[in-house]
C-alpha atoms as a PDB file:
ATOM      1  CA  MET A   1      99.916 106.248 124.437  1.00  0.00           C
ATOM      2  CA  ALA A   2     101.521 104.174 122.201  1.00  0.00           C
ATOM      3  CA  GLU A   3     104.209 104.324 119.213  1.00  0.00           C
ATOM      4  CA  VAL A   4     105.889 103.190 116.094  1.00  0.00           C
ATOM      5  CA  THR A   5     108.689 103.727 113.679  1.00  0.00           C
ATOM      6  CA  ASN A   6     107.692 103.831 109.848  1.00  0.00           C
ATOM      7  CA  GLU A   7     109.989 104.704 106.939  1.00  0.00           C
ATOM      8  CA  GLY A   8     112.367 106.313 109.944  1.00  0.00           C
ATOM      9  CA  GLY A   9     109.399 107.980 112.045  1.00  0.00           C
ATOM     10  CA  ARG A  10     108.002 107.617 115.047  1.00  0.00           C
ATOM     11  CA  LEU A  11     104.511 107.693 114.904  1.00  0.00           C
ATOM     12  CA  TYR A  12     102.167 108.465 117.986  1.00  0.00           C
ATOM     13  CA  TYR A  13      98.886 107.666 118.372  1.00  0.00           C
ATOM     14  CA  GLU A  14      96.011 106.873 121.192  1.00  0.00           C
ATOM     15  CA  ILE A  15      93.167 104.306 121.373  1.00  0.00           C
ATOM     16  CA  HIS A  16      90.023 104.681 123.364  1.00  0.00           C
ATOM     17  CA  GLY A  17      87.210 102.920 123.949  1.00  0.00           C
ATOM     18  CA  GLU A  18      85.639  99.646 122.806  1.00  0.00           C
ATOM     19  CA  GLY A  19      83.968  98.107 119.661  1.00  0.00           C
ATOM     20  CA  THR A  20      84.329  98.178 116.107  1.00  0.00           C
ATOM     21  CA  PRO A  21      87.600 100.038 115.195  1.00  0.00           C
ATOM     22  CA  VAL A  22      87.310 104.013 114.230  1.00  0.00           C
ATOM     23  CA  VAL A  23      90.363 105.734 113.347  1.00  0.00           C
ATOM     24  CA  LEU A  24      89.820 109.612 113.068  1.00  0.00           C
ATOM     25  CA  LEU A  25      92.548 110.819 110.394  1.00  0.00           C
ATOM     26  CA  MET A  26      92.892 114.689 110.982  1.00  0.00           C
ATOM     27  CA  GLY A  27      93.633 117.495 108.486  1.00  0.00           C
ATOM     28  CA  LEU A  28      96.682 119.808 107.526  1.00  0.00           C
ATOM     29  CA  GLY A  29      98.469 121.409 110.488  1.00  0.00           C
ATOM     30  CA  GLY A  30      95.875 119.381 113.531  1.00  0.00           C
ATOM     31  CA  SER A  31      96.778 116.321 115.165  1.00  0.00           C
ATOM     32  CA  GLY A  32      94.666 113.746 117.167  1.00  0.00           C
ATOM     33  CA  ARG A  33      93.988 116.064 120.149  1.00  0.00           C
ATOM     34  CA  ALA A  34      91.576 118.175 117.382  1.00  0.00           C
ATOM     35  CA  TRP A  35      89.326 115.291 117.822  1.00  0.00           C
ATOM     36  CA  GLY A  36      88.282 116.377 121.174  1.00  0.00           C
ATOM     37  CA  LEU A  37      84.601 117.404 120.793  1.00  0.00           C
ATOM     38  CA  GLN A  38      84.546 114.034 119.381  1.00  0.00           C
ATOM     39  CA  LEU A  39      86.765 111.425 120.904  1.00  0.00           C
ATOM     40  CA  PRO A  40      84.207 110.785 124.177  1.00  0.00           C
ATOM     41  CA  ASP A  41      80.722 110.047 122.101  1.00  0.00           C
ATOM     42  CA  PHE A  42      82.681 107.966 119.537  1.00  0.00           C
ATOM     43  CA  ALA A  43      84.876 106.180 122.474  1.00  0.00           C
ATOM     44  CA  ARG A  44      81.577 104.918 123.811  1.00  0.00           C
ATOM     45  CA  ARG A  45      80.521 102.944 120.835  1.00  0.00           C
ATOM     46  CA  HIS A  46      84.049 102.152 119.148  1.00  0.00           C
ATOM     47  CA  ARG A  47      87.685 101.395 119.303  1.00  0.00           C
ATOM     48  CA  VAL A  48      88.844 105.309 118.560  1.00  0.00           C
ATOM     49  CA  LEU A  49      92.427 104.841 116.961  1.00  0.00           C
ATOM     50  CA  LEU A  50      93.763 108.810 116.607  1.00  0.00           C
ATOM     51  CA  PRO A  51      97.064 108.771 115.239  1.00  0.00           C
ATOM     52  CA  ASP A  52      99.445 111.963 115.002  1.00  0.00           C
ATOM     53  CA  ASN A  53     100.416 112.582 111.070  1.00  0.00           C
ATOM     54  CA  ARG A  54     103.449 112.835 110.159  1.00  0.00           C
ATOM     55  CA  GLY A  55     104.998 115.941 110.620  1.00  0.00           C
ATOM     56  CA  VAL A  56     102.683 117.493 113.877  1.00  0.00           C
ATOM     57  CA  GLY A  57     101.589 116.880 117.286  1.00  0.00           C
ATOM     58  CA  ARG A  58     103.784 114.038 119.226  1.00  0.00           C
ATOM     59  CA  SER A  59     104.949 112.128 115.814  1.00  0.00           C
ATOM     60  CA  ASP A  60     108.086 113.111 114.396  1.00  0.00           C
ATOM     61  CA  MET A  61     108.507 115.988 112.325  1.00  0.00           C
ATOM     62  CA  PRO A  62     110.855 115.542 109.611  1.00  0.00           C
ATOM     63  CA  PRO A  63     111.948 117.272 106.260  1.00  0.00           C
ATOM     64  CA  GLY A  64     109.606 117.160 103.802  1.00  0.00           C
ATOM     65  CA  PRO A  65     108.506 116.324 101.023  1.00  0.00           C
ATOM     66  CA  TYR A  66     105.586 114.323 102.438  1.00  0.00           C
ATOM     67  CA  THR A  67     103.240 112.478 100.387  1.00  0.00           C
ATOM     68  CA  MET A  68      99.666 110.797 100.286  1.00  0.00           C
ATOM     69  CA  ALA A  69     101.694 107.705 100.085  1.00  0.00           C
ATOM     70  CA  GLY A  70     103.461 107.881 102.929  1.00  0.00           C
ATOM     71  CA  PHE A  71     100.169 109.093 105.560  1.00  0.00           C
ATOM     72  CA  ALA A  72      98.816 105.276 103.946  1.00  0.00           C
ATOM     73  CA  ALA A  73     102.112 103.935 104.761  1.00  0.00           C
ATOM     74  CA  ASP A  74     102.256 105.332 108.178  1.00  0.00           C
ATOM     75  CA  LEU A  75      98.423 104.625 108.730  1.00  0.00           C
ATOM     76  CA  ASP A  76      98.889 101.179 108.112  1.00  0.00           C
ATOM     77  CA  ALA A  77     102.063 101.088 110.233  1.00  0.00           C
ATOM     78  CA  VAL A  78      99.998 102.558 113.414  1.00  0.00           C
ATOM     79  CA  LEU A  79      97.162  99.590 112.512  1.00  0.00           C
ATOM     80  CA  ASN A  80      99.248  96.908 112.706  1.00  0.00           C
ATOM     81  CA  ALA A  81     100.983  98.189 115.694  1.00  0.00           C
ATOM     82  CA  ALA A  82      97.542  97.928 116.881  1.00  0.00           C
ATOM     83  CA  ASP A  83      96.806  95.034 115.557  1.00  0.00           C
ATOM     84  CA  ILE A  84      93.656  96.111 114.018  1.00  0.00           C
ATOM     85  CA  ASP A  85      92.834  94.055 110.681  1.00  0.00           C
ATOM     86  CA  SER A  86      89.633  96.551 109.645  1.00  0.00           C
ATOM     87  CA  ALA A  87      88.334 100.275 110.709  1.00  0.00           C
ATOM     88  CA  HIS A  88      85.950 102.791 109.792  1.00  0.00           C
ATOM     89  CA  LEU A  89      87.925 105.714 108.394  1.00  0.00           C
ATOM     90  CA  VAL A  90      86.796 109.420 109.234  1.00  0.00           C
ATOM     91  CA  GLY A  91      89.050 111.663 107.462  1.00  0.00           C
ATOM     92  CA  VAL A  92      88.621 115.695 107.237  1.00  0.00           C
ATOM     93  CA  SER A  93      90.053 117.873 104.399  1.00  0.00           C
ATOM     94  CA  MET A  94      93.711 116.157 104.239  1.00  0.00           C
ATOM     95  CA  GLY A  95      92.979 113.213 106.271  1.00  0.00           C
ATOM     96  CA  GLY A  96      89.975 112.489 104.087  1.00  0.00           C
ATOM     97  CA  LEU A  97      92.631 112.370 101.085  1.00  0.00           C
ATOM     98  CA  ILE A  98      94.755 110.081 103.356  1.00  0.00           C
ATOM     99  CA  ALA A  99      91.522 107.903 104.137  1.00  0.00           C
ATOM    100  CA  GLN A 100      91.329 107.684  99.859  1.00  0.00           C
ATOM    101  CA  GLU A 101      94.426 106.879  99.479  1.00  0.00           C
ATOM    102  CA  TYR A 102      94.590 104.101 102.578  1.00  0.00           C
ATOM    103  CA  TYR A 103      90.979 102.655 100.388  1.00  0.00           C
ATOM    104  CA  HIS A 104      92.930 102.022  97.297  1.00  0.00           C
ATOM    105  CA  LEU A 105      96.328 100.834  98.690  1.00  0.00           C
ATOM    106  CA  HIS A 106      93.840  98.495 101.275  1.00  0.00           C
ATOM    107  CA  PRO A 107      90.501  98.337 100.534  1.00  0.00           C
ATOM    108  CA  HIS A 108      89.935  94.798 102.486  1.00  0.00           C
ATOM    109  CA  ARG A 109      91.273  96.577 105.817  1.00  0.00           C
ATOM    110  CA  VAL A 110      88.057  99.637 105.867  1.00  0.00           C
ATOM    111  CA  ARG A 111      85.097  98.542 106.579  1.00  0.00           C
ATOM    112  CA  SER A 112      83.608 102.502 105.439  1.00  0.00           C
ATOM    113  CA  MET A 113      85.168 105.700 104.766  1.00  0.00           C
ATOM    114  CA  THR A 114      83.590 108.998 106.045  1.00  0.00           C
ATOM    115  CA  LEU A 115      85.431 111.604 104.060  1.00  0.00           C
ATOM    116  CA  VAL A 116      84.655 115.551 105.584  1.00  0.00           C
ATOM    117  CA  ALA A 117      85.151 118.412 103.897  1.00  0.00           C
ATOM    118  CA  THR A 118      87.408 116.838 101.555  1.00  0.00           C
ATOM    119  CA  GLY A 119      86.990 116.492  97.605  1.00  0.00           C
ATOM    120  CA  VAL A 120      89.225 114.372  94.718  1.00  0.00           C
ATOM    121  CA  GLY A 121      92.313 116.381  95.843  1.00  0.00           C
ATOM    122  CA  PRO A 122      94.490 119.641  94.569  1.00  0.00           C
ATOM    123  CA  ALA A 123      95.977 117.483  91.753  1.00  0.00           C
ATOM    124  CA  ASP A 124      92.536 115.937  90.218  1.00  0.00           C
ATOM    125  CA  PRO A 125      91.244 117.854  87.499  1.00  0.00           C
ATOM    126  CA  ALA A 126      88.063 117.129  89.055  1.00  0.00           C
ATOM    127  CA  TYR A 127      89.226 119.298  91.849  1.00  0.00           C
ATOM    128  CA  VAL A 128      87.187 122.433  92.471  1.00  0.00           C
ATOM    129  CA  PRO A 129      89.482 125.047  93.832  1.00  0.00           C
ATOM    130  CA  PRO A 130      89.053 128.152  96.097  1.00  0.00           C
ATOM    131  CA  GLU A 131      89.151 131.317  95.355  1.00  0.00           C
ATOM    132  CA  ARG A 132      92.967 132.321  95.005  1.00  0.00           C
ATOM    133  CA  HIS A 133      93.213 134.739  98.619  1.00  0.00           C
ATOM    134  CA  ILE A 134      92.403 131.143 100.299  1.00  0.00           C
ATOM    135  CA  TRP A 135      95.680 129.500  98.876  1.00  0.00           C
ATOM    136  CA  GLU A 136      97.434 133.011  99.883  1.00  0.00           C
ATOM    137  CA  VAL A 137      96.157 132.638 103.048  1.00  0.00           C
ATOM    138  CA  LEU A 138      97.328 128.651 103.557  1.00  0.00           C
ATOM    139  CA  GLU A 139     100.209 129.353 101.527  1.00  0.00           C
ATOM    140  CA  LEU A 140     101.248 131.809 104.136  1.00  0.00           C
ATOM    141  CA  ASP A 141     105.729 131.899 104.906  1.00  0.00           C
ATOM    142  CA  ARG A 142     105.286 130.545 108.794  1.00  0.00           C
ATOM    143  CA  ALA A 143     108.739 131.319 109.367  1.00  0.00           C
ATOM    144  CA  THR A 144     108.730 134.735 108.502  1.00  0.00           C
ATOM    145  CA  THR A 145     105.200 135.537 109.284  1.00  0.00           C
ATOM    146  CA  ASP A 146     104.151 136.705 112.943  1.00  0.00           C
ATOM    147  CA  GLU A 147     102.054 133.878 114.392  1.00  0.00           C
ATOM    148  CA  ARG A 148      98.947 135.855 115.783  1.00  0.00           C
ATOM    149  CA  THR A 149      98.581 137.367 112.168  1.00  0.00           C
ATOM    150  CA  VAL A 150      98.751 133.679 110.414  1.00  0.00           C
ATOM    151  CA  VAL A 151      96.028 132.623 112.976  1.00  0.00           C
ATOM    152  CA  GLU A 152      93.666 135.778 112.499  1.00  0.00           C
ATOM    153  CA  ARG A 153      93.974 135.145 108.593  1.00  0.00           C
ATOM    154  CA  MET A 154      93.322 131.752 108.917  1.00  0.00           C
ATOM    155  CA  ASN A 155      90.359 131.737 111.553  1.00  0.00           C
ATOM    156  CA  ALA A 156      89.057 134.077 109.656  1.00  0.00           C
ATOM    157  CA  THR A 157      89.334 131.847 106.318  1.00  0.00           C
ATOM    158  CA  PHE A 158      88.677 128.323 107.904  1.00  0.00           C
ATOM    159  CA  TYR A 159      85.619 129.561 110.082  1.00  0.00           C
ATOM    160  CA  HIS A 160      82.137 130.651 109.876  1.00  0.00           C
ATOM    161  CA  PRO A 161      81.424 134.335 111.076  1.00  0.00           C
ATOM    162  CA  ASP A 162      78.644 132.603 113.326  1.00  0.00           C
ATOM    163  CA  TYR A 163      81.337 130.311 115.373  1.00  0.00           C
ATOM    164  CA  LEU A 164      83.362 133.526 115.541  1.00  0.00           C
ATOM    165  CA  GLU A 165      80.896 135.602 116.633  1.00  0.00           C
ATOM    166  CA  ARG A 166      80.238 132.851 119.497  1.00  0.00           C
ATOM    167  CA  ILE A 167      84.121 132.266 120.186  1.00  0.00           C
ATOM    168  CA  PRO A 168      86.149 135.839 120.493  1.00  0.00           C
ATOM    169  CA  ASP A 169      88.767 134.542 122.000  1.00  0.00           C
ATOM    170  CA  LEU A 170      89.525 131.854 119.510  1.00  0.00           C
ATOM    171  CA  ALA A 171      92.739 133.484 118.051  1.00  0.00           C
ATOM    172  CA  ASP A 172      93.998 133.002 121.406  1.00  0.00           C
ATOM    173  CA  ARG A 173      92.958 129.995 122.749  1.00  0.00           C
ATOM    174  CA  ILE A 174      94.794 128.238 119.579  1.00  0.00           C
ATOM    175  CA  LEU A 175      97.889 130.282 119.984  1.00  0.00           C
ATOM    176  CA  GLN A 176      97.986 128.430 123.521  1.00  0.00           C
ATOM    177  CA  PHE A 177      97.345 125.434 122.049  1.00  0.00           C
ATOM    178  CA  GLN A 178     100.084 125.827 120.186  1.00  0.00           C
ATOM    179  CA  ALA A 179     102.541 126.990 122.169  1.00  0.00           C
ATOM    180  CA  ARG A 180     102.267 123.393 124.250  1.00  0.00           C
ATOM    181  CA  GLU A 181     102.074 121.554 120.422  1.00  0.00           C
ATOM    182  CA  PRO A 182     104.304 123.816 118.348  1.00  0.00           C
ATOM    183  CA  GLN A 183     104.138 122.766 114.469  1.00  0.00           C
ATOM    184  CA  PRO A 184     107.487 123.886 112.929  1.00  0.00           C
ATOM    185  CA  PRO A 185     107.140 125.876 109.850  1.00  0.00           C
ATOM    186  CA  HIS A 186     108.927 123.041 107.513  1.00  0.00           C
ATOM    187  CA  ALA A 187     106.606 120.223 108.584  1.00  0.00           C
ATOM    188  CA  TYR A 188     103.316 122.813 108.097  1.00  0.00           C
ATOM    189  CA  HIS A 189     104.741 123.377 104.812  1.00  0.00           C
ATOM    190  CA  ALA A 190     105.248 119.811 103.887  1.00  0.00           C
ATOM    191  CA  GLN A 191     102.034 118.848 104.986  1.00  0.00           C
ATOM    192  CA  LEU A 192     100.556 121.328 102.775  1.00  0.00           C
ATOM    193  CA  HIS A 193     101.891 120.899  99.429  1.00  0.00           C
ATOM    194  CA  SER A 194     101.279 116.833 100.340  1.00  0.00           C
ATOM    195  CA  ALA A 195      97.898 117.576  99.082  1.00  0.00           C
ATOM    196  CA  GLY A 196      99.357 117.882  95.619  1.00  0.00           C
ATOM    197  CA  THR A 197     101.423 114.566  95.664  1.00  0.00           C
ATOM    198  CA  HIS A 198      98.222 111.751  95.401  1.00  0.00           C
ATOM    199  CA  THR A 199      97.120 109.655  92.622  1.00  0.00           C
ATOM    200  CA  LEU A 200      93.975 110.981  90.979  1.00  0.00           C
ATOM    201  CA  ASN A 201      90.891 110.228  92.452  1.00  0.00           C
ATOM    202  CA  SER A 202      88.462 110.712  90.229  1.00  0.00           C
ATOM    203  CA  PRO A 203      89.390 107.989  88.195  1.00  0.00           C
ATOM    204  CA  ARG A 204      89.185 105.084  90.781  1.00  0.00           C
ATOM    205  CA  LEU A 205      86.020 106.597  92.576  1.00  0.00           C
ATOM    206  CA  HIS A 206      83.802 103.941  90.868  1.00  0.00           C
ATOM    207  CA  GLN A 207      85.875 101.079  92.416  1.00  0.00           C
ATOM    208  CA  VAL A 208      85.483 101.960  96.035  1.00  0.00           C
ATOM    209  CA  ASP A 209      82.976  99.243  97.068  1.00  0.00           C
ATOM    210  CA  VAL A 210      82.519 100.282 100.896  1.00  0.00           C
ATOM    211  CA  PRO A 211      79.609 102.416 101.979  1.00  0.00           C
ATOM    212  CA  CYS A 212      80.375 106.608 102.395  1.00  0.00           C
ATOM    213  CA  LEU A 213      79.498 109.011 103.828  1.00  0.00           C
ATOM    214  CA  VAL A 214      80.482 112.382 102.642  1.00  0.00           C
ATOM    215  CA  VAL A 215      79.894 115.069 104.936  1.00  0.00           C
ATOM    216  CA  HIS A 216      80.719 119.173 104.305  1.00  0.00           C
ATOM    217  CA  GLY A 217      79.720 122.969 105.597  1.00  0.00           C
ATOM    218  CA  GLU A 218      77.552 124.606 103.331  1.00  0.00           C
ATOM    219  CA  ASP A 219      79.713 127.746 103.580  1.00  0.00           C
ATOM    220  CA  ASP A 220      83.082 125.744 103.111  1.00  0.00           C
ATOM    221  CA  ARG A 221      85.482 127.997 101.448  1.00  0.00           C
ATOM    222  CA  VAL A 222      88.745 125.724 102.026  1.00  0.00           C
ATOM    223  CA  TRP A 223      86.823 123.214  99.771  1.00  0.00           C
ATOM    224  CA  PRO A 224      83.801 124.693  98.268  1.00  0.00           C
ATOM    225  CA  PRO A 225      81.083 122.003  98.659  1.00  0.00           C
ATOM    226  CA  GLU A 226      80.952 121.235  94.923  1.00  0.00           C
ATOM    227  CA  ASN A 227      83.908 119.260  96.273  1.00  0.00           C
ATOM    228  CA  ALA A 228      81.562 117.216  98.043  1.00  0.00           C
ATOM    229  CA  ARG A 229      79.083 116.669  95.460  1.00  0.00           C
ATOM    230  CA  TYR A 230      81.431 115.539  92.717  1.00  0.00           C
ATOM    231  CA  LEU A 231      82.376 112.898  95.669  1.00  0.00           C
ATOM    232  CA  ALA A 232      78.538 112.050  96.758  1.00  0.00           C
ATOM    233  CA  THR A 233      77.645 111.713  92.810  1.00  0.00           C
ATOM    234  CA  HIS A 234      80.643 109.676  91.902  1.00  0.00           C
ATOM    235  CA  LEU A 235      81.329 107.464  95.053  1.00  0.00           C
ATOM    236  CA  PRO A 236      78.573 103.890  94.176  1.00  0.00           C
ATOM    237  CA  ASN A 237      77.619 103.579  97.438  1.00  0.00           C
ATOM    238  CA  ALA A 238      77.562 107.447  99.107  1.00  0.00           C
ATOM    239  CA  GLU A 239      75.633 109.841 100.966  1.00  0.00           C
ATOM    240  CA  LEU A 240      75.936 113.071 101.298  1.00  0.00           C
ATOM    241  CA  GLU A 241      75.409 115.835 104.393  1.00  0.00           C
ATOM    242  CA  LEU A 242      75.653 119.294 103.795  1.00  0.00           C
ATOM    243  CA  MET A 243      75.732 121.095 106.935  1.00  0.00           C
ATOM    244  CA  PRO A 244      73.837 125.216 106.988  1.00  0.00           C
ATOM    245  CA  ARG A 245      76.265 127.482 107.905  1.00  0.00           C
ATOM    246  CA  THR A 246      78.706 125.812 108.891  1.00  0.00           C
ATOM    247  CA  ALA A 247      82.523 126.607 107.343  1.00  0.00           C
ATOM    248  CA  HIS A 248      85.496 124.210 106.933  1.00  0.00           C
ATOM    249  CA  MET A 249      85.683 123.329 110.101  1.00  0.00           C
ATOM    250  CA  LEU A 250      82.504 121.561 110.778  1.00  0.00           C
ATOM    251  CA  PRO A 251      83.635 118.765 113.247  1.00  0.00           C
ATOM    252  CA  LEU A 252      84.477 121.816 115.804  1.00  0.00           C
ATOM    253  CA  GLU A 253      81.806 124.190 114.790  1.00  0.00           C
ATOM    254  CA  GLN A 254      79.169 121.598 114.931  1.00  0.00           C
ATOM    255  CA  PRO A 255      80.301 118.694 117.159  1.00  0.00           C
ATOM    256  CA  ARG A 256      76.966 117.677 118.365  1.00  0.00           C
ATOM    257  CA  ALA A 257      75.052 117.553 115.150  1.00  0.00           C
ATOM    258  CA  PHE A 258      78.410 115.978 113.334  1.00  0.00           C
ATOM    259  CA  ASN A 259      78.943 113.033 115.560  1.00  0.00           C
ATOM    260  CA  THR A 260      74.871 112.196 115.580  1.00  0.00           C
ATOM    261  CA  ARG A 261      75.143 111.830 112.296  1.00  0.00           C
ATOM    262  CA  VAL A 262      78.751 110.077 111.790  1.00  0.00           C
ATOM    263  CA  LEU A 263      77.395 108.063 114.684  1.00  0.00           C
ATOM    264  CA  ARG A 264      74.400 107.035 113.157  1.00  0.00           C
ATOM    265  CA  PHE A 265      75.734 106.210 109.728  1.00  0.00           C
ATOM    266  CA  LEU A 266      78.768 103.697 111.624  1.00  0.00           C
ATOM    267  CA  ALA A 267      75.975 102.195 113.207  1.00  0.00           C
ATOM    268  CA  ASP A 268      73.862 101.560 110.068  1.00  0.00           C
ATOM    269  CA  VAL A 269      77.245 100.184 108.311  1.00  0.00           C
ATOM    270  CA  ASP A 270      77.650  97.669 111.184  1.00  0.00           C
ATOM    271  CA  ALA A 271      74.517  96.239 111.413  1.00  0.00           C
ATOM    272  CA  GLU A 272      74.551  95.771 107.750  1.00  0.00           C
ATOM    273  CA  ARG A 273      77.838  93.781 107.902  1.00  0.00           C
ATOM    274  CA  GLN A 274      76.325  91.262 110.805  1.00  0.00           C
END
């Protein structure tokens, strides 16, 4: 457990395991703890860096606006504090946008990128948006909407029906977690709106010269799978893995398959670098 300050904000992070460094970057509203189903497997092979993004978890939650460039600067400060020269980046959803922004600012510090349930970003003309009602759920006013209503509507949007059937008390579990680690409404909305602040990614995908793995749920309604196909087609050295009967929260829905696929990719990249 450690902290570093960047641009006036305190950033919390943890380091687990030994080996080639891997940074796990969570998406909207999620802290490093959301990687709980990945951490044991990853830490057996890698030095795993788990940061809490600005606005969530045990990091500071200042008033917005937040930006992708700001998140990338936060990540750079955390890597410097952890004395990590270069690392594999694994980013899910908003974390995938942070990973891309960081790569273009500091390409020499990135060994590979695993882009999970993400795309080029909402500000990009190549972005394939979800249906309008999905955005309506994402934009629910957290300050005026009942917390259970928010969680239940988010669950119906983010998770596959198969998973919801397997975990019938998911809403109760999430509410209990949020009670222990609350995110104030202003921080959630600042994170959400940061997704529109990134530099356009589609024109610079051809510049990415590290191996990339694009992992996506076939039934993701938040980031339609066309976003993953676009990344995999336009990145020079990319592999695409579409996971069947899986929605947006694939690291939680299919942890065993997800961990196996990503760890195999990381092992292949490390072997090629030796």
